[in-house]
């Protein structure tokens, strides 16, 4: 999967506007694009993992998770 500059800019726009994305593949691509290229945008959260979250509507939202919420450490 090749991530283009256009994908990166679309991902940033979707994240900032909290836009719902109908296609799971596109949402996943945008999440990967932001995770790999967030350094280009200092105003975005850094050193986090961006993920595609499925909403109740069935659409997807690009959001971020810190390493603390992605790990199993501290869980019983």
PDB file of N, CA and C in Angstrom:
ATOM      1  N   UNK A   1       0.845  -1.171   0.000  1.00  0.00           N
ATOM      2  CA  UNK A   1       0.000   0.000   0.000  1.00  0.00           C
ATOM      3  C   UNK A   1       0.895   1.241   0.000  1.00  0.00           C
ATOM      4  N   UNK A   2       0.768   2.019  -1.047  1.00  0.00           N
ATOM      5  CA  UNK A   2       1.568   3.224  -1.190  1.00  0.00           C
ATOM      6  C   UNK A   2       0.755   4.412  -0.686  1.00  0.00           C
ATOM      7  N   UNK A   3       1.388   5.190   0.189  1.00  0.00           N
ATOM      8  CA  UNK A   3       0.738   6.378   0.739  1.00  0.00           C
ATOM      9  C   UNK A   3       1.258   7.591  -0.020  1.00  0.00           C
ATOM     10  N   UNK A   4       0.352   8.301  -0.681  1.00  0.00           N
ATOM     11  CA  UNK A   4       0.745   9.474  -1.460  1.00  0.00           C
ATOM     12  C   UNK A   4       0.650  10.735  -0.607  1.00  0.00           C
ATOM     13  N   UNK A   5       1.223  11.798  -1.112  1.00  0.00           N
ATOM     14  CA  UNK A   5       1.143  13.095  -0.424  1.00  0.00           C
ATOM     15  C   UNK A   5      -0.315  13.539  -0.310  1.00  0.00           C
ATOM     16  N   UNK A   6      -1.106  13.242  -1.325  1.00  0.00           N
ATOM     17  CA  UNK A   6      -2.534  13.585  -1.293  1.00  0.00           C
ATOM     18  C   UNK A   6      -3.252  12.828  -0.172  1.00  0.00           C
ATOM     19  N   UNK A   7      -2.890  11.547   0.015  1.00  0.00           N
ATOM     20  CA  UNK A   7      -3.474  10.761   1.108  1.00  0.00           C
ATOM     21  C   UNK A   7      -3.154  11.391   2.461  1.00  0.00           C
ATOM     22  N   UNK A   8      -1.927  11.847   2.627  1.00  0.00           N
ATOM     23  CA  UNK A   8      -1.497  12.455   3.887  1.00  0.00           C
ATOM     24  C   UNK A   8      -2.302  13.729   4.169  1.00  0.00           C
ATOM     25  N   UNK A   9      -2.466  14.561   3.154  1.00  0.00           N
ATOM     26  CA  UNK A   9      -3.222  15.805   3.334  1.00  0.00           C
ATOM     27  C   UNK A   9      -4.706  15.523   3.580  1.00  0.00           C
ATOM     28  N   UNK A  10      -5.261  14.535   2.865  1.00  0.00           N
ATOM     29  CA  UNK A  10      -6.661  14.160   3.092  1.00  0.00           C
ATOM     30  C   UNK A  10      -6.852  13.598   4.499  1.00  0.00           C
ATOM     31  N   UNK A  11      -5.872  12.836   4.970  1.00  0.00           N
ATOM     32  CA  UNK A  11      -5.938  12.262   6.314  1.00  0.00           C
ATOM     33  C   UNK A  11      -5.923  13.356   7.367  1.00  0.00           C
ATOM     34  N   UNK A  12      -5.060  14.332   7.186  1.00  0.00           N
ATOM     35  CA  UNK A  12      -4.985  15.451   8.133  1.00  0.00           C
ATOM     36  C   UNK A  12      -6.309  16.203   8.166  1.00  0.00           C
ATOM     37  N   UNK A  13      -6.873  16.452   7.002  1.00  0.00           N
ATOM     38  CA  UNK A  13      -8.148  17.162   6.920  1.00  0.00           C
ATOM     39  C   UNK A  13      -9.262  16.351   7.589  1.00  0.00           C
ATOM     40  N   UNK A  14      -9.313  15.064   7.318  1.00  0.00           N
ATOM     41  CA  UNK A  14     -10.341  14.198   7.922  1.00  0.00           C
ATOM     42  C   UNK A  14     -10.203  14.170   9.440  1.00  0.00           C
ATOM     43  N   UNK A  15      -8.972  14.119   9.931  1.00  0.00           N
ATOM     44  CA  UNK A  15      -8.738  14.113  11.378  1.00  0.00           C
ATOM     45  C   UNK A  15      -9.173  15.425  12.013  1.00  0.00           C
ATOM     46  N   UNK A  16      -8.764  16.531  11.427  1.00  0.00           N
ATOM     47  CA  UNK A  16      -9.072  17.844  11.995  1.00  0.00           C
ATOM     48  C   UNK A  16     -10.568  18.142  11.976  1.00  0.00           C
ATOM     49  N   UNK A  17     -11.263  17.706  10.934  1.00  0.00           N
ATOM     50  CA  UNK A  17     -12.686  17.993  10.802  1.00  0.00           C
ATOM     51  C   UNK A  17     -13.556  16.899  11.428  1.00  0.00           C
ATOM     52  N   UNK A  18     -12.921  15.867  11.981  1.00  0.00           N
ATOM     53  CA  UNK A  18     -13.655  14.728  12.554  1.00  0.00           C
ATOM     54  C   UNK A  18     -14.652  14.164  11.538  1.00  0.00           C
ATOM     55  N   UNK A  19     -14.193  14.089  10.282  1.00  0.00           N
ATOM     56  CA  UNK A  19     -15.046  13.608   9.197  1.00  0.00           C
ATOM     57  C   UNK A  19     -15.228  12.101   9.294  1.00  0.00           C
ATOM     58  N   UNK A  20     -16.449  11.645   9.080  1.00  0.00           N
ATOM     59  CA  UNK A  20     -16.721  10.214   9.054  1.00  0.00           C
ATOM     60  C   UNK A  20     -16.433   9.695   7.652  1.00  0.00           C
ATOM     61  N   UNK A  21     -15.761   8.554   7.593  1.00  0.00           N
ATOM     62  CA  UNK A  21     -15.339   7.961   6.332  1.00  0.00           C
ATOM     63  C   UNK A  21     -16.110   6.661   6.154  1.00  0.00           C
ATOM     64  N   UNK A  22     -16.752   6.496   5.008  1.00  0.00           N
ATOM     65  CA  UNK A  22     -17.602   5.333   4.780  1.00  0.00           C
ATOM     66  C   UNK A  22     -16.790   4.060   4.545  1.00  0.00           C
ATOM     67  N   UNK A  23     -15.633   4.174   3.931  1.00  0.00           N
ATOM     68  CA  UNK A  23     -14.843   3.012   3.540  1.00  0.00           C
ATOM     69  C   UNK A  23     -13.778   2.681   4.588  1.00  0.00           C
ATOM     70  N   UNK A  24     -13.777   1.452   5.087  1.00  0.00           N
ATOM     71  CA  UNK A  24     -12.807   1.039   6.106  1.00  0.00           C
ATOM     72  C   UNK A  24     -11.383   1.098   5.587  1.00  0.00           C
ATOM     73  N   UNK A  25     -11.170   0.688   4.335  1.00  0.00           N
ATOM     74  CA  UNK A  25      -9.823   0.692   3.767  1.00  0.00           C
ATOM     75  C   UNK A  25      -9.257   2.111   3.700  1.00  0.00           C
ATOM     76  N   UNK A  26     -10.078   3.056   3.323  1.00  0.00           N
ATOM     77  CA  UNK A  26      -9.640   4.452   3.252  1.00  0.00           C
ATOM     78  C   UNK A  26      -9.328   4.981   4.646  1.00  0.00           C
ATOM     79  N   UNK A  27     -10.174   4.679   5.609  1.00  0.00           N
ATOM     80  CA  UNK A  27      -9.944   5.130   6.983  1.00  0.00           C
ATOM     81  C   UNK A  27      -8.646   4.542   7.537  1.00  0.00           C
ATOM     82  N   UNK A  28      -8.396   3.272   7.251  1.00  0.00           N
ATOM     83  CA  UNK A  28      -7.162   2.627   7.706  1.00  0.00           C
ATOM     84  C   UNK A  28      -5.946   3.251   7.029  1.00  0.00           C
ATOM     85  N   UNK A  29      -6.064   3.535   5.744  1.00  0.00           N
ATOM     86  CA  UNK A  29      -4.977   4.193   5.006  1.00  0.00           C
ATOM     87  C   UNK A  29      -4.669   5.555   5.619  1.00  0.00           C
ATOM     88  N   UNK A  30      -5.706   6.325   5.937  1.00  0.00           N
ATOM     89  CA  UNK A  30      -5.510   7.642   6.536  1.00  0.00           C
ATOM     90  C   UNK A  30      -4.856   7.532   7.909  1.00  0.00           C
ATOM     91  N   UNK A  31      -5.260   6.553   8.691  1.00  0.00           N
ATOM     92  CA  UNK A  31      -4.661   6.358  10.010  1.00  0.00           C
ATOM     93  C   UNK A  31      -3.172   6.033   9.884  1.00  0.00           C
ATOM     94  N   UNK A  32      -2.836   5.162   8.950  1.00  0.00           N
ATOM     95  CA  UNK A  32      -1.423   4.820   8.730  1.00  0.00           C
ATOM     96  C   UNK A  32      -0.648   6.021   8.224  1.00  0.00           C
ATOM     97  N   UNK A  33      -1.258   6.795   7.336  1.00  0.00           N
ATOM     98  CA  UNK A  33      -0.593   7.972   6.786  1.00  0.00           C
ATOM     99  C   UNK A  33      -0.249   8.967   7.893  1.00  0.00           C
ATOM    100  N   UNK A  34      -1.187   9.193   8.809  1.00  0.00           N
ATOM    101  CA  UNK A  34      -0.919  10.129   9.903  1.00  0.00           C
ATOM    102  C   UNK A  34       0.091   9.568  10.897  1.00  0.00           C
ATOM    103  N   UNK A  35       0.014   8.274  11.191  1.00  0.00           N
ATOM    104  CA  UNK A  35       0.962   7.668  12.121  1.00  0.00           C
ATOM    105  C   UNK A  35       2.383   7.814  11.593  1.00  0.00           C
ATOM    106  N   UNK A  36       2.557   7.590  10.311  1.00  0.00           N
ATOM    107  CA  UNK A  36       3.901   7.640   9.713  1.00  0.00           C
ATOM    108  C   UNK A  36       4.387   9.045   9.404  1.00  0.00           C
ATOM    109  N   UNK A  37       3.478  10.006   9.247  1.00  0.00           N
ATOM    110  CA  UNK A  37       3.871  11.333   8.772  1.00  0.00           C
ATOM    111  C   UNK A  37       3.442  12.478   9.679  1.00  0.00           C
ATOM    112  N   UNK A  38       3.112  12.215  10.938  1.00  0.00           N
ATOM    113  CA  UNK A  38       2.633  13.279  11.819  1.00  0.00           C
ATOM    114  C   UNK A  38       3.695  14.342  12.090  1.00  0.00           C
ATOM    115  N   UNK A  39       4.963  14.008  11.905  1.00  0.00           N
ATOM    116  CA  UNK A  39       6.029  14.993  12.142  1.00  0.00           C
ATOM    117  C   UNK A  39       5.925  16.175  11.186  1.00  0.00           C
ATOM    118  N   UNK A  40       5.275  15.977  10.045  1.00  0.00           N
ATOM    119  CA  UNK A  40       5.099  17.063   9.082  1.00  0.00           C
ATOM    120  C   UNK A  40       4.133  18.126   9.603  1.00  0.00           C
ATOM    121  N   UNK A  41       3.328  17.749  10.603  1.00  0.00           N
ATOM    122  CA  UNK A  41       2.296  18.640  11.123  1.00  0.00           C
ATOM    123  C   UNK A  41       2.462  18.793  12.633  1.00  0.00           C
ATOM    124  N   UNK A  42       3.271  19.744  13.075  1.00  0.00           N
ATOM    125  CA  UNK A  42       3.543  19.892  14.509  1.00  0.00           C
ATOM    126  C   UNK A  42       2.293  20.183  15.343  1.00  0.00           C
ATOM    127  N   UNK A  43       1.214  20.660  14.726  1.00  0.00           N
ATOM    128  CA  UNK A  43      -0.002  20.960  15.478  1.00  0.00           C
ATOM    129  C   UNK A  43      -0.803  19.707  15.828  1.00  0.00           C
ATOM    130  N   UNK A  44      -0.473  18.575  15.208  1.00  0.00           N
ATOM    131  CA  UNK A  44      -1.146  17.311  15.517  1.00  0.00           C
ATOM    132  C   UNK A  44      -0.445  16.600  16.670  1.00  0.00           C
ATOM    133  N   UNK A  45      -1.183  15.752  17.395  1.00  0.00           N
ATOM    134  CA  UNK A  45      -0.537  14.981  18.471  1.00  0.00           C
ATOM    135  C   UNK A  45       0.631  14.155  17.918  1.00  0.00           C
ATOM    136  N   UNK A  46       1.742  14.163  18.631  1.00  0.00           N
ATOM    137  CA  UNK A  46       2.948  13.470  18.197  1.00  0.00           C
ATOM    138  C   UNK A  46       3.179  12.214  19.032  1.00  0.00           C
ATOM    139  N   UNK A  47       3.940  11.288  18.473  1.00  0.00           N
ATOM    140  CA  UNK A  47       4.327  10.043  19.148  1.00  0.00           C
ATOM    141  C   UNK A  47       3.102   9.271  19.643  1.00  0.00           C
ATOM    142  N   UNK A  48       2.099   9.234  18.805  1.00  0.00           N
ATOM    143  CA  UNK A  48       0.885   8.472  19.091  1.00  0.00           C
ATOM    144  C   UNK A  48       0.588   7.589  17.883  1.00  0.00           C
ATOM    145  N   UNK A  49      -0.326   6.685  18.049  1.00  0.00           N
ATOM    146  CA  UNK A  49      -0.766   5.842  16.950  1.00  0.00           C
ATOM    147  C   UNK A  49      -2.145   6.322  16.527  1.00  0.00           C
ATOM    148  N   UNK A  50      -2.302   6.596  15.251  1.00  0.00           N
ATOM    149  CA  UNK A  50      -3.599   6.977  14.718  1.00  0.00           C
ATOM    150  C   UNK A  50      -4.339   5.710  14.306  1.00  0.00           C
ATOM    151  N   UNK A  51      -5.632   5.671  14.591  1.00  0.00           N
ATOM    152  CA  UNK A  51      -6.434   4.484  14.333  1.00  0.00           C
ATOM    153  C   UNK A  51      -7.755   4.881  13.669  1.00  0.00           C
ATOM    154  N   UNK A  52      -8.370   3.897  12.998  1.00  0.00           N
ATOM    155  CA  UNK A  52      -9.693   4.080  12.403  1.00  0.00           C
ATOM    156  C   UNK A  52     -10.707   3.455  13.355  1.00  0.00           C
ATOM    157  N   UNK A  53     -11.560   4.280  13.925  1.00  0.00           N
ATOM    158  CA  UNK A  53     -12.553   3.808  14.884  1.00  0.00           C
ATOM    159  C   UNK A  53     -13.916   3.689  14.212  1.00  0.00           C
ATOM    160  N   UNK A  54     -14.545   2.534  14.358  1.00  0.00           N
ATOM    161  CA  UNK A  54     -15.874   2.341  13.779  1.00  0.00           C
ATOM    162  C   UNK A  54     -16.920   3.003  14.676  1.00  0.00           C
ATOM    163  N   UNK A  55     -17.774   3.797  14.072  1.00  0.00           N
ATOM    164  CA  UNK A  55     -18.823   4.505  14.788  1.00  0.00           C
ATOM    165  C   UNK A  55     -20.119   3.694  14.763  1.00  0.00           C
ATOM    166  N   UNK A  56     -21.074   4.078  15.577  1.00  0.00           N
ATOM    167  CA  UNK A  56     -22.375   3.401  15.596  1.00  0.00           C
ATOM    168  C   UNK A  56     -23.065   3.492  14.244  1.00  0.00           C
ATOM    169  N   UNK A  57     -22.775   4.541  13.507  1.00  0.00           N
ATOM    170  CA  UNK A  57     -23.388   4.743  12.190  1.00  0.00           C
ATOM    171  C   UNK A  57     -22.841   3.766  11.146  1.00  0.00           C
ATOM    172  N   UNK A  58     -21.762   3.052  11.498  1.00  0.00           N
ATOM    173  CA  UNK A  58     -21.135   2.136  10.552  1.00  0.00           C
ATOM    174  C   UNK A  58     -19.995   2.775   9.773  1.00  0.00           C
ATOM    175  N   UNK A  59     -19.811   4.078   9.954  1.00  0.00           N
ATOM    176  CA  UNK A  59     -18.713   4.784   9.296  1.00  0.00           C
ATOM    177  C   UNK A  59     -17.514   4.824  10.233  1.00  0.00           C
ATOM    178  N   UNK A  60     -16.392   5.311   9.725  1.00  0.00           N
ATOM    179  CA  UNK A  60     -15.142   5.309  10.483  1.00  0.00           C
ATOM    180  C   UNK A  60     -14.659   6.729  10.733  1.00  0.00           C
ATOM    181  N   UNK A  61     -13.972   6.877  11.853  1.00  0.00           N
ATOM    182  CA  UNK A  61     -13.418   8.154  12.268  1.00  0.00           C
ATOM    183  C   UNK A  61     -11.939   7.946  12.564  1.00  0.00           C
ATOM    184  N   UNK A  62     -11.076   8.840  12.058  1.00  0.00           N
ATOM    185  CA  UNK A  62      -9.646   8.749  12.338  1.00  0.00           C
ATOM    186  C   UNK A  62      -9.384   9.487  13.646  1.00  0.00           C
ATOM    187  N   UNK A  63      -8.806   8.775  14.607  1.00  0.00           N
ATOM    188  CA  UNK A  63      -8.518   9.341  15.919  1.00  0.00           C
ATOM    189  C   UNK A  63      -7.149   8.829  16.358  1.00  0.00           C
ATOM    190  N   UNK A  64      -6.683   9.262  17.493  1.00  0.00           N
ATOM    191  CA  UNK A  64      -5.364   8.827  17.972  1.00  0.00           C
ATOM    192  C   UNK A  64      -5.486   8.148  19.316  1.00  0.00           C
ATOM    193  N   UNK A  65      -4.482   7.327  19.593  1.00  0.00           N
ATOM    194  CA  UNK A  65      -4.368   6.637  20.879  1.00  0.00           C
ATOM    195  C   UNK A  65      -2.916   6.758  21.326  1.00  0.00           C
ATOM    196  N   UNK A  66      -2.745   7.056  22.607  1.00  0.00           N
ATOM    197  CA  UNK A  66      -1.378   7.124  23.133  1.00  0.00           C
ATOM    198  C   UNK A  66      -0.860   5.716  23.328  1.00  0.00           C
ATOM    199  N   UNK A  67       0.416   5.597  23.545  1.00  0.00           N
ATOM    200  CA  UNK A  67       1.006   4.273  23.763  1.00  0.00           C
ATOM    201  C   UNK A  67       0.450   3.647  25.032  1.00  0.00           C
ATOM    202  N   UNK A  68       0.008   4.484  25.978  1.00  0.00           N
ATOM    203  CA  UNK A  68      -0.546   3.955  27.225  1.00  0.00           C
ATOM    204  C   UNK A  68      -1.874   3.250  26.990  1.00  0.00           C
ATOM    205  N   UNK A  69      -2.682   3.755  26.085  1.00  0.00           N
ATOM    206  CA  UNK A  69      -3.977   3.115  25.837  1.00  0.00           C
ATOM    207  C   UNK A  69      -3.852   1.974  24.832  1.00  0.00           C
ATOM    208  N   UNK A  70      -2.707   1.859  24.151  1.00  0.00           N
ATOM    209  CA  UNK A  70      -2.508   0.781  23.188  1.00  0.00           C
ATOM    210  C   UNK A  70      -1.840  -0.438  23.809  1.00  0.00           C
ATOM    211  N   UNK A  71      -1.277  -0.282  24.993  1.00  0.00           N
ATOM    212  CA  UNK A  71      -0.559  -1.411  25.597  1.00  0.00           C
ATOM    213  C   UNK A  71      -1.403  -2.111  26.634  1.00  0.00           C
ATOM    214  N   UNK A  72      -0.972  -3.278  26.991  1.00  0.00           N
ATOM    215  CA  UNK A  72      -1.690  -4.064  28.006  1.00  0.00           C
ATOM    216  C   UNK A  72      -1.065  -3.886  29.377  1.00  0.00           C
ATOM    217  N   UNK A  73      -0.066  -3.048  29.488  1.00  0.00           N
ATOM    218  CA  UNK A  73       0.602  -2.855  30.782  1.00  0.00           C
ATOM    219  C   UNK A  73      -0.347  -2.247  31.792  1.00  0.00           C
ATOM    220  N   UNK A  74      -0.247  -2.714  33.019  1.00  0.00           N
ATOM    221  CA  UNK A  74      -1.056  -2.165  34.076  1.00  0.00           C
ATOM    222  C   UNK A  74      -2.434  -2.785  34.188  1.00  0.00           C
ATOM    223  N   UNK A  75      -2.747  -3.672  33.288  1.00  0.00           N
ATOM    224  CA  UNK A  75      -4.040  -4.344  33.358  1.00  0.00           C
ATOM    225  C   UNK A  75      -3.917  -5.581  34.213  1.00  0.00           C
ATOM    226  N   UNK A  76      -4.948  -5.932  34.961  1.00  0.00           N
ATOM    227  CA  UNK A  76      -4.871  -7.132  35.817  1.00  0.00           C
ATOM    228  C   UNK A  76      -4.832  -8.411  35.003  1.00  0.00           C
TER     229      UNK A  76
END
